[in-house]
């Protein structure tokens, strides 16, 4: 569970990031979840954009993905959201 200070630190890091993945009308697939999981293991922080043709809300989608891959929900802004998962082998982010 992230503290407020840790969440604020991750938000500031994600502020300059571009979305790496997009979710459209196909929604969540096993392949998409695997890609998110692999990306989080390599980078620890990911920003995802939910396209307008998607049927789900960005916050709902973020929480569903976070539960599926064991990540922490950081924030949701409009149609984008940020997830964090501490890497086992590639630890890059030092949380306060």
PDB file of N, CA and C in Angstrom:
ATOM      1  N   UNK A   1       0.840  -1.177   0.000  1.00  0.00           N
ATOM      2  CA  UNK A   1       0.000   0.000   0.000  1.00  0.00           C
ATOM      3  C   UNK A   1       0.884   1.238   0.000  1.00  0.00           C
ATOM      4  N   UNK A   2       0.603   2.153  -0.888  1.00  0.00           N
ATOM      5  CA  UNK A   2       1.389   3.383  -1.011  1.00  0.00           C
ATOM      6  C   UNK A   2       0.919   4.429  -0.011  1.00  0.00           C
ATOM      7  N   UNK A   3       1.877   5.165   0.554  1.00  0.00           N
ATOM      8  CA  UNK A   3       1.528   6.292   1.412  1.00  0.00           C
ATOM      9  C   UNK A   3       1.251   7.508   0.530  1.00  0.00           C
ATOM     10  N   UNK A   4       0.722   8.560   1.110  1.00  0.00           N
ATOM     11  CA  UNK A   4       0.442   9.783   0.358  1.00  0.00           C
ATOM     12  C   UNK A   4       1.709  10.394  -0.229  1.00  0.00           C
ATOM     13  N   UNK A   5       2.782  10.348   0.542  1.00  0.00           N
ATOM     14  CA  UNK A   5       4.054  10.904   0.079  1.00  0.00           C
ATOM     15  C   UNK A   5       4.621  10.098  -1.092  1.00  0.00           C
ATOM     16  N   UNK A   6       4.509   8.782  -1.011  1.00  0.00           N
ATOM     17  CA  UNK A   6       4.979   7.929  -2.099  1.00  0.00           C
ATOM     18  C   UNK A   6       4.136   8.135  -3.353  1.00  0.00           C
ATOM     19  N   UNK A   7       2.827   8.226  -3.165  1.00  0.00           N
ATOM     20  CA  UNK A   7       1.918   8.447  -4.297  1.00  0.00           C
ATOM     21  C   UNK A   7       2.219   9.790  -4.975  1.00  0.00           C
ATOM     22  N   UNK A   8       2.480  10.827  -4.179  1.00  0.00           N
ATOM     23  CA  UNK A   8       2.810  12.151  -4.738  1.00  0.00           C
ATOM     24  C   UNK A   8       4.110  12.087  -5.527  1.00  0.00           C
ATOM     25  N   UNK A   9       5.088  11.340  -5.023  1.00  0.00           N
ATOM     26  CA  UNK A   9       6.370  11.183  -5.725  1.00  0.00           C
ATOM     27  C   UNK A   9       6.154  10.501  -7.079  1.00  0.00           C
ATOM     28  N   UNK A  10       5.353   9.436  -7.096  1.00  0.00           N
ATOM     29  CA  UNK A  10       5.078   8.720  -8.341  1.00  0.00           C
ATOM     30  C   UNK A  10       4.274   9.570  -9.318  1.00  0.00           C
ATOM     31  N   UNK A  11       3.349  10.372  -8.803  1.00  0.00           N
ATOM     32  CA  UNK A  11       2.572  11.278  -9.659  1.00  0.00           C
ATOM     33  C   UNK A  11       3.485  12.275 -10.350  1.00  0.00           C
ATOM     34  N   UNK A  12       4.453  12.817  -9.606  1.00  0.00           N
ATOM     35  CA  UNK A  12       5.373  13.792 -10.196  1.00  0.00           C
ATOM     36  C   UNK A  12       6.232  13.140 -11.274  1.00  0.00           C
ATOM     37  N   UNK A  13       6.613  11.887 -11.067  1.00  0.00           N
ATOM     38  CA  UNK A  13       7.397  11.172 -12.086  1.00  0.00           C
ATOM     39  C   UNK A  13       6.553  10.897 -13.329  1.00  0.00           C
ATOM     40  N   UNK A  14       5.299  10.550 -13.132  1.00  0.00           N
ATOM     41  CA  UNK A  14       4.419  10.204 -14.245  1.00  0.00           C
ATOM     42  C   UNK A  14       3.950  11.432 -15.021  1.00  0.00           C
ATOM     43  N   UNK A  15       4.087  12.595 -14.424  1.00  0.00           N
ATOM     44  CA  UNK A  15       3.611  13.830 -15.047  1.00  0.00           C
ATOM     45  C   UNK A  15       4.229  14.061 -16.422  1.00  0.00           C
ATOM     46  N   UNK A  16       5.498  13.723 -16.586  1.00  0.00           N
ATOM     47  CA  UNK A  16       6.183  13.975 -17.856  1.00  0.00           C
ATOM     48  C   UNK A  16       6.156  12.768 -18.784  1.00  0.00           C
ATOM     49  N   UNK A  17       5.621  11.649 -18.316  1.00  0.00           N
ATOM     50  CA  UNK A  17       5.567  10.428 -19.137  1.00  0.00           C
ATOM     51  C   UNK A  17       4.467  10.517 -20.194  1.00  0.00           C
ATOM     52  N   UNK A  18       4.728   9.867 -21.305  1.00  0.00           N
ATOM     53  CA  UNK A  18       3.702   9.687 -22.325  1.00  0.00           C
ATOM     54  C   UNK A  18       3.055   8.316 -22.104  1.00  0.00           C
ATOM     55  N   UNK A  19       1.776   8.160 -22.452  1.00  0.00           N
ATOM     56  CA  UNK A  19       1.141   6.845 -22.321  1.00  0.00           C
ATOM     57  C   UNK A  19       1.857   5.807 -23.187  1.00  0.00           C
ATOM     58  N   UNK A  20       2.116   4.651 -22.607  1.00  0.00           N
ATOM     59  CA  UNK A  20       2.826   3.582 -23.308  1.00  0.00           C
ATOM     60  C   UNK A  20       1.844   2.628 -23.975  1.00  0.00           C
ATOM     61  N   UNK A  21       0.701   2.416 -23.342  1.00  0.00           N
ATOM     62  CA  UNK A  21      -0.316   1.504 -23.853  1.00  0.00           C
ATOM     63  C   UNK A  21      -1.637   2.233 -24.050  1.00  0.00           C
ATOM     64  N   UNK A  22      -2.469   1.672 -24.956  1.00  0.00           N
ATOM     65  CA  UNK A  22      -3.807   2.209 -25.187  1.00  0.00           C
ATOM     66  C   UNK A  22      -4.809   1.063 -25.083  1.00  0.00           C
ATOM     67  N   UNK A  23      -5.944   1.368 -24.472  1.00  0.00           N
ATOM     68  CA  UNK A  23      -7.019   0.377 -24.366  1.00  0.00           C
ATOM     69  C   UNK A  23      -8.188   0.882 -25.197  1.00  0.00           C
ATOM     70  N   UNK A  24      -8.642   0.055 -26.125  1.00  0.00           N
ATOM     71  CA  UNK A  24      -9.749   0.441 -26.987  1.00  0.00           C
ATOM     72  C   UNK A  24     -10.971  -0.420 -26.756  1.00  0.00           C
ATOM     73  N   UNK A  25     -11.714  -0.639 -27.821  1.00  0.00           N
ATOM     74  CA  UNK A  25     -12.980  -1.360 -27.710  1.00  0.00           C
ATOM     75  C   UNK A  25     -12.802  -2.836 -27.372  1.00  0.00           C
ATOM     76  N   UNK A  26     -11.612  -3.391 -27.604  1.00  0.00           N
ATOM     77  CA  UNK A  26     -11.377  -4.796 -27.264  1.00  0.00           C
ATOM     78  C   UNK A  26     -11.264  -5.008 -25.763  1.00  0.00           C
ATOM     79  N   UNK A  27     -11.002  -3.937 -25.021  1.00  0.00           N
ATOM     80  CA  UNK A  27     -10.920  -4.040 -23.571  1.00  0.00           C
ATOM     81  C   UNK A  27      -9.684  -4.797 -23.119  1.00  0.00           C
ATOM     82  N   UNK A  28      -9.816  -5.475 -21.995  1.00  0.00           N
ATOM     83  CA  UNK A  28      -8.689  -6.198 -21.417  1.00  0.00           C
ATOM     84  C   UNK A  28      -8.622  -7.615 -21.960  1.00  0.00           C
ATOM     85  N   UNK A  29      -7.457  -7.964 -22.478  1.00  0.00           N
ATOM     86  CA  UNK A  29      -7.217  -9.333 -22.924  1.00  0.00           C
ATOM     87  C   UNK A  29      -6.062  -9.898 -22.105  1.00  0.00           C
ATOM     88  N   UNK A  30      -5.908 -11.196 -22.125  1.00  0.00           N
ATOM     89  CA  UNK A  30      -4.805 -11.832 -21.401  1.00  0.00           C
ATOM     90  C   UNK A  30      -3.464 -11.346 -21.930  1.00  0.00           C
ATOM     91  N   UNK A  31      -3.371 -11.168 -23.244  1.00  0.00           N
ATOM     92  CA  UNK A  31      -2.132 -10.690 -23.855  1.00  0.00           C
ATOM     93  C   UNK A  31      -1.808  -9.271 -23.387  1.00  0.00           C
ATOM     94  N   UNK A  32      -2.816  -8.414 -23.324  1.00  0.00           N
ATOM     95  CA  UNK A  32      -2.611  -7.034 -22.872  1.00  0.00           C
ATOM     96  C   UNK A  32      -2.130  -7.010 -21.425  1.00  0.00           C
ATOM     97  N   UNK A  33      -2.743  -7.814 -20.562  1.00  0.00           N
ATOM     98  CA  UNK A  33      -2.334  -7.879 -19.161  1.00  0.00           C
ATOM     99  C   UNK A  33      -0.904  -8.382 -19.024  1.00  0.00           C
ATOM    100  N   UNK A  34      -0.518  -9.344 -19.857  1.00  0.00           N
ATOM    101  CA  UNK A  34       0.851  -9.859 -19.837  1.00  0.00           C
ATOM    102  C   UNK A  34       1.841  -8.763 -20.243  1.00  0.00           C
ATOM    103  N   UNK A  35       1.484  -7.971 -21.254  1.00  0.00           N
ATOM    104  CA  UNK A  35       2.349  -6.875 -21.698  1.00  0.00           C
ATOM    105  C   UNK A  35       2.514  -5.830 -20.591  1.00  0.00           C
ATOM    106  N   UNK A  36       1.422  -5.497 -19.908  1.00  0.00           N
ATOM    107  CA  UNK A  36       1.483  -4.538 -18.799  1.00  0.00           C
ATOM    108  C   UNK A  36       2.386  -5.081 -17.696  1.00  0.00           C
ATOM    109  N   UNK A  37       2.206  -6.358 -17.374  1.00  0.00           N
ATOM    110  CA  UNK A  37       2.998  -6.981 -16.313  1.00  0.00           C
ATOM    111  C   UNK A  37       4.490  -6.968 -16.657  1.00  0.00           C
ATOM    112  N   UNK A  38       4.825  -7.308 -17.902  1.00  0.00           N
ATOM    113  CA  UNK A  38       6.223  -7.304 -18.337  1.00  0.00           C
ATOM    114  C   UNK A  38       6.803  -5.894 -18.307  1.00  0.00           C
ATOM    115  N   UNK A  39       6.020  -4.916 -18.747  1.00  0.00           N
ATOM    116  CA  UNK A  39       6.492  -3.533 -18.761  1.00  0.00           C
ATOM    117  C   UNK A  39       6.734  -3.034 -17.332  1.00  0.00           C
ATOM    118  N   UNK A  40       5.835  -3.376 -16.426  1.00  0.00           N
ATOM    119  CA  UNK A  40       5.998  -2.962 -15.030  1.00  0.00           C
ATOM    120  C   UNK A  40       7.233  -3.612 -14.394  1.00  0.00           C
ATOM    121  N   UNK A  41       7.525  -4.837 -14.752  1.00  0.00           N
ATOM    122  CA  UNK A  41       8.715  -5.508 -14.219  1.00  0.00           C
ATOM    123  C   UNK A  41       9.981  -4.791 -14.706  1.00  0.00           C
ATOM    124  N   UNK A  42       9.953  -4.296 -15.934  1.00  0.00           N
ATOM    125  CA  UNK A  42      11.128  -3.625 -16.488  1.00  0.00           C
ATOM    126  C   UNK A  42      11.236  -2.167 -16.045  1.00  0.00           C
ATOM    127  N   UNK A  43      10.093  -1.479 -15.851  1.00  0.00           N
ATOM    128  CA  UNK A  43      10.121  -0.031 -15.619  1.00  0.00           C
ATOM    129  C   UNK A  43       9.465   0.447 -14.332  1.00  0.00           C
ATOM    130  N   UNK A  44       8.682  -0.372 -13.700  1.00  0.00           N
ATOM    131  CA  UNK A  44       7.998  -0.100 -12.428  1.00  0.00           C
ATOM    132  C   UNK A  44       6.849   0.902 -12.509  1.00  0.00           C
ATOM    133  N   UNK A  45       6.798   1.765 -13.498  1.00  0.00           N
ATOM    134  CA  UNK A  45       5.747   2.777 -13.603  1.00  0.00           C
ATOM    135  C   UNK A  45       5.230   2.806 -15.036  1.00  0.00           C
ATOM    136  N   UNK A  46       3.915   2.797 -15.193  1.00  0.00           N
ATOM    137  CA  UNK A  46       3.340   2.799 -16.537  1.00  0.00           C
ATOM    138  C   UNK A  46       2.152   3.745 -16.585  1.00  0.00           C
ATOM    139  N   UNK A  47       2.035   4.444 -17.717  1.00  0.00           N
ATOM    140  CA  UNK A  47       0.881   5.304 -17.968  1.00  0.00           C
ATOM    141  C   UNK A  47       0.117   4.715 -19.147  1.00  0.00           C
ATOM    142  N   UNK A  48      -1.199   4.589 -18.980  1.00  0.00           N
ATOM    143  CA  UNK A  48      -2.053   3.964 -19.984  1.00  0.00           C
ATOM    144  C   UNK A  48      -3.169   4.930 -20.369  1.00  0.00           C
ATOM    145  N   UNK A  49      -3.482   4.953 -21.655  1.00  0.00           N
ATOM    146  CA  UNK A  49      -4.566   5.810 -22.163  1.00  0.00           C
ATOM    147  C   UNK A  49      -5.754   4.933 -22.551  1.00  0.00           C
ATOM    148  N   UNK A  50      -6.934   5.350 -22.113  1.00  0.00           N
ATOM    149  CA  UNK A  50      -8.166   4.657 -22.479  1.00  0.00           C
ATOM    150  C   UNK A  50      -8.802   5.445 -23.625  1.00  0.00           C
ATOM    151  N   UNK A  51      -8.944   4.794 -24.769  1.00  0.00           N
ATOM    152  CA  UNK A  51      -9.497   5.468 -25.949  1.00  0.00           C
ATOM    153  C   UNK A  51     -10.990   5.720 -25.778  1.00  0.00           C
ATOM    154  N   UNK A  52     -11.505   6.672 -26.552  1.00  0.00           N
ATOM    155  CA  UNK A  52     -12.918   7.056 -26.436  1.00  0.00           C
ATOM    156  C   UNK A  52     -13.873   5.949 -26.839  1.00  0.00           C
ATOM    157  N   UNK A  53     -13.410   5.033 -27.699  1.00  0.00           N
ATOM    158  CA  UNK A  53     -14.306   3.955 -28.129  1.00  0.00           C
ATOM    159  C   UNK A  53     -14.370   2.802 -27.125  1.00  0.00           C
ATOM    160  N   UNK A  54     -13.642   2.918 -26.029  1.00  0.00           N
ATOM    161  CA  UNK A  54     -13.706   1.906 -24.973  1.00  0.00           C
ATOM    162  C   UNK A  54     -14.985   2.105 -24.169  1.00  0.00           C
ATOM    163  N   UNK A  55     -15.536   1.010 -23.710  1.00  0.00           N
ATOM    164  CA  UNK A  55     -16.804   1.073 -22.980  1.00  0.00           C
ATOM    165  C   UNK A  55     -16.614   1.331 -21.489  1.00  0.00           C
ATOM    166  N   UNK A  56     -15.383   1.192 -20.990  1.00  0.00           N
ATOM    167  CA  UNK A  56     -15.140   1.312 -19.557  1.00  0.00           C
ATOM    168  C   UNK A  56     -14.499   2.647 -19.185  1.00  0.00           C
ATOM    169  N   UNK A  57     -14.697   3.038 -17.942  1.00  0.00           N
ATOM    170  CA  UNK A  57     -14.118   4.245 -17.375  1.00  0.00           C
ATOM    171  C   UNK A  57     -12.644   3.997 -17.054  1.00  0.00           C
ATOM    172  N   UNK A  58     -11.804   5.030 -17.139  1.00  0.00           N
ATOM    173  CA  UNK A  58     -10.366   4.884 -16.894  1.00  0.00           C
ATOM    174  C   UNK A  58     -10.068   4.412 -15.472  1.00  0.00           C
ATOM    175  N   UNK A  59     -10.758   4.946 -14.488  1.00  0.00           N
ATOM    176  CA  UNK A  59     -10.505   4.558 -13.100  1.00  0.00           C
ATOM    177  C   UNK A  59     -10.891   3.103 -12.855  1.00  0.00           C
ATOM    178  N   UNK A  60     -12.041   2.686 -13.381  1.00  0.00           N
ATOM    179  CA  UNK A  60     -12.470   1.296 -13.234  1.00  0.00           C
ATOM    180  C   UNK A  60     -11.486   0.354 -13.919  1.00  0.00           C
ATOM    181  N   UNK A  61     -11.044   0.740 -15.105  1.00  0.00           N
ATOM    182  CA  UNK A  61     -10.092  -0.059 -15.863  1.00  0.00           C
ATOM    183  C   UNK A  61      -8.771  -0.168 -15.100  1.00  0.00           C
ATOM    184  N   UNK A  62      -8.313   0.933 -14.525  1.00  0.00           N
ATOM    185  CA  UNK A  62      -7.048   0.956 -13.783  1.00  0.00           C
ATOM    186  C   UNK A  62      -7.106   0.021 -12.585  1.00  0.00           C
ATOM    187  N   UNK A  63      -8.195   0.068 -11.847  1.00  0.00           N
ATOM    188  CA  UNK A  63      -8.327  -0.788 -10.667  1.00  0.00           C
ATOM    189  C   UNK A  63      -8.399  -2.267 -11.060  1.00  0.00           C
ATOM    190  N   UNK A  64      -9.053  -2.552 -12.168  1.00  0.00           N
ATOM    191  CA  UNK A  64      -9.159  -3.930 -12.638  1.00  0.00           C
ATOM    192  C   UNK A  64      -7.788  -4.465 -13.068  1.00  0.00           C
ATOM    193  N   UNK A  65      -7.028  -3.648 -13.789  1.00  0.00           N
ATOM    194  CA  UNK A  65      -5.688  -4.062 -14.214  1.00  0.00           C
ATOM    195  C   UNK A  65      -4.770  -4.211 -13.009  1.00  0.00           C
ATOM    196  N   UNK A  66      -4.839  -3.257 -12.078  1.00  0.00           N
ATOM    197  CA  UNK A  66      -3.998  -3.316 -10.884  1.00  0.00           C
ATOM    198  C   UNK A  66      -4.247  -4.607 -10.103  1.00  0.00           C
ATOM    199  N   UNK A  67      -5.495  -4.995  -9.963  1.00  0.00           N
ATOM    200  CA  UNK A  67      -5.827  -6.238  -9.269  1.00  0.00           C
ATOM    201  C   UNK A  67      -5.293  -7.452 -10.028  1.00  0.00           C
ATOM    202  N   UNK A  68      -5.397  -7.408 -11.361  1.00  0.00           N
ATOM    203  CA  UNK A  68      -4.988  -8.551 -12.183  1.00  0.00           C
ATOM    204  C   UNK A  68      -3.481  -8.780 -12.174  1.00  0.00           C
ATOM    205  N   UNK A  69      -2.700  -7.702 -12.150  1.00  0.00           N
ATOM    206  CA  UNK A  69      -1.235  -7.851 -12.232  1.00  0.00           C
ATOM    207  C   UNK A  69      -0.532  -7.608 -10.906  1.00  0.00           C
ATOM    208  N   UNK A  70      -1.272  -7.277  -9.855  1.00  0.00           N
ATOM    209  CA  UNK A  70      -0.675  -7.059  -8.545  1.00  0.00           C
ATOM    210  C   UNK A  70       0.039  -5.726  -8.425  1.00  0.00           C
ATOM    211  N   UNK A  71      -0.463  -4.713  -9.130  1.00  0.00           N
ATOM    212  CA  UNK A  71       0.152  -3.384  -9.109  1.00  0.00           C
ATOM    213  C   UNK A  71      -0.628  -2.451  -8.185  1.00  0.00           C
ATOM    214  N   UNK A  72      -0.070  -1.275  -7.970  1.00  0.00           N
ATOM    215  CA  UNK A  72      -0.715  -0.233  -7.155  1.00  0.00           C
ATOM    216  C   UNK A  72      -1.274   0.845  -8.076  1.00  0.00           C
ATOM    217  N   UNK A  73      -2.507   1.251  -7.831  1.00  0.00           N
ATOM    218  CA  UNK A  73      -3.114   2.357  -8.563  1.00  0.00           C
ATOM    219  C   UNK A  73      -2.523   3.660  -8.021  1.00  0.00           C
ATOM    220  N   UNK A  74      -1.984   4.500  -8.916  1.00  0.00           N
ATOM    221  CA  UNK A  74      -1.373   5.763  -8.502  1.00  0.00           C
ATOM    222  C   UNK A  74      -2.341   6.912  -8.706  1.00  0.00           C
ATOM    223  N   UNK A  75      -2.827   7.080  -9.946  1.00  0.00           N
ATOM    224  CA  UNK A  75      -3.753   8.173 -10.224  1.00  0.00           C
ATOM    225  C   UNK A  75      -4.484   7.938 -11.534  1.00  0.00           C
ATOM    226  N   UNK A  76      -5.572   8.666 -11.695  1.00  0.00           N
ATOM    227  CA  UNK A  76      -6.336   8.674 -12.924  1.00  0.00           C
ATOM    228  C   UNK A  76      -6.665  10.119 -13.258  1.00  0.00           C
ATOM    229  N   UNK A  77      -6.306  10.532 -14.462  1.00  0.00           N
ATOM    230  CA  UNK A  77      -6.588  11.891 -14.920  1.00  0.00           C
ATOM    231  C   UNK A  77      -7.288  11.814 -16.262  1.00  0.00           C
ATOM    232  N   UNK A  78      -8.561  12.145 -16.289  1.00  0.00           N
ATOM    233  CA  UNK A  78      -9.311  12.090 -17.539  1.00  0.00           C
ATOM    234  C   UNK A  78      -9.368  10.672 -18.068  1.00  0.00           C
ATOM    235  N   UNK A  79      -8.793  10.471 -19.252  1.00  0.00           N
ATOM    236  CA  UNK A  79      -8.809   9.148 -19.866  1.00  0.00           C
ATOM    237  C   UNK A  79      -7.456   8.435 -19.730  1.00  0.00           C
ATOM    238  N   UNK A  80      -6.598   8.888 -18.818  1.00  0.00           N
ATOM    239  CA  UNK A  80      -5.295   8.260 -18.587  1.00  0.00           C
ATOM    240  C   UNK A  80      -5.187   7.842 -17.131  1.00  0.00           C
ATOM    241  N   UNK A  81      -4.397   6.797 -16.896  1.00  0.00           N
ATOM    242  CA  UNK A  81      -4.135   6.381 -15.528  1.00  0.00           C
ATOM    243  C   UNK A  81      -2.715   5.856 -15.399  1.00  0.00           C
ATOM    244  N   UNK A  82      -2.241   5.823 -14.156  1.00  0.00           N
ATOM    245  CA  UNK A  82      -0.861   5.430 -13.858  1.00  0.00           C
ATOM    246  C   UNK A  82      -0.878   4.295 -12.842  1.00  0.00           C
ATOM    247  N   UNK A  83      -0.042   3.284 -13.087  1.00  0.00           N
ATOM    248  CA  UNK A  83       0.108   2.158 -12.187  1.00  0.00           C
ATOM    249  C   UNK A  83       1.578   2.000 -11.799  1.00  0.00           C
ATOM    250  N   UNK A  84       1.805   1.480 -10.592  1.00  0.00           N
ATOM    251  CA  UNK A  84       3.160   1.239 -10.102  1.00  0.00           C
ATOM    252  C   UNK A  84       3.234  -0.175  -9.538  1.00  0.00           C
ATOM    253  N   UNK A  85       4.342  -0.843  -9.833  1.00  0.00           N
ATOM    254  CA  UNK A  85       4.614  -2.150  -9.233  1.00  0.00           C
ATOM    255  C   UNK A  85       6.116  -2.260  -9.049  1.00  0.00           C
ATOM    256  N   UNK A  86       6.524  -2.523  -7.824  1.00  0.00           N
ATOM    257  CA  UNK A  86       7.951  -2.652  -7.542  1.00  0.00           C
ATOM    258  C   UNK A  86       8.518  -3.863  -8.284  1.00  0.00           C
ATOM    259  N   UNK A  87       9.615  -3.657  -8.989  1.00  0.00           N
ATOM    260  CA  UNK A  87      10.254  -4.714  -9.756  1.00  0.00           C
ATOM    261  C   UNK A  87      11.042  -5.641  -8.830  1.00  0.00           C
ATOM    262  N   UNK A  88      11.051  -6.913  -9.170  1.00  0.00           N
ATOM    263  CA  UNK A  88      11.832  -7.868  -8.385  1.00  0.00           C
ATOM    264  C   UNK A  88      13.311  -7.817  -8.769  1.00  0.00           C
ATOM    265  N   UNK A  89      13.589  -7.624 -10.065  1.00  0.00           N
ATOM    266  CA  UNK A  89      14.966  -7.692 -10.565  1.00  0.00           C
ATOM    267  C   UNK A  89      15.523  -6.367 -11.066  1.00  0.00           C
ATOM    268  N   UNK A  90      14.678  -5.412 -11.423  1.00  0.00           N
ATOM    269  CA  UNK A  90      15.117  -4.146 -12.021  1.00  0.00           C
ATOM    270  C   UNK A  90      14.676  -2.947 -11.211  1.00  0.00           C
ATOM    271  N   UNK A  91      14.948  -2.917  -9.942  1.00  0.00           N
ATOM    272  CA  UNK A  91      14.480  -1.808  -9.089  1.00  0.00           C
ATOM    273  C   UNK A  91      15.133  -0.506  -9.523  1.00  0.00           C
ATOM    274  N   UNK A  92      14.307   0.445  -9.985  1.00  0.00           N
ATOM    275  CA  UNK A  92      14.798   1.736 -10.472  1.00  0.00           C
ATOM    276  C   UNK A  92      14.305   2.900  -9.620  1.00  0.00           C
ATOM    277  N   UNK A  93      13.112   2.784  -9.094  1.00  0.00           N
ATOM    278  CA  UNK A  93      12.478   3.895  -8.369  1.00  0.00           C
ATOM    279  C   UNK A  93      12.691   3.725  -6.871  1.00  0.00           C
ATOM    280  N   UNK A  94      13.236   4.755  -6.258  1.00  0.00           N
ATOM    281  CA  UNK A  94      13.398   4.775  -4.793  1.00  0.00           C
ATOM    282  C   UNK A  94      12.254   5.599  -4.218  1.00  0.00           C
ATOM    283  N   UNK A  95      11.360   4.957  -3.504  1.00  0.00           N
ATOM    284  CA  UNK A  95      10.222   5.673  -2.913  1.00  0.00           C
ATOM    285  C   UNK A  95      10.647   6.329  -1.594  1.00  0.00           C
ATOM    286  N   UNK A  96      10.114   7.542  -1.336  1.00  0.00           N
ATOM    287  CA  UNK A  96      10.438   8.220  -0.070  1.00  0.00           C
ATOM    288  C   UNK A  96       9.828   7.487   1.126  1.00  0.00           C
TER     289      UNK A  96
END
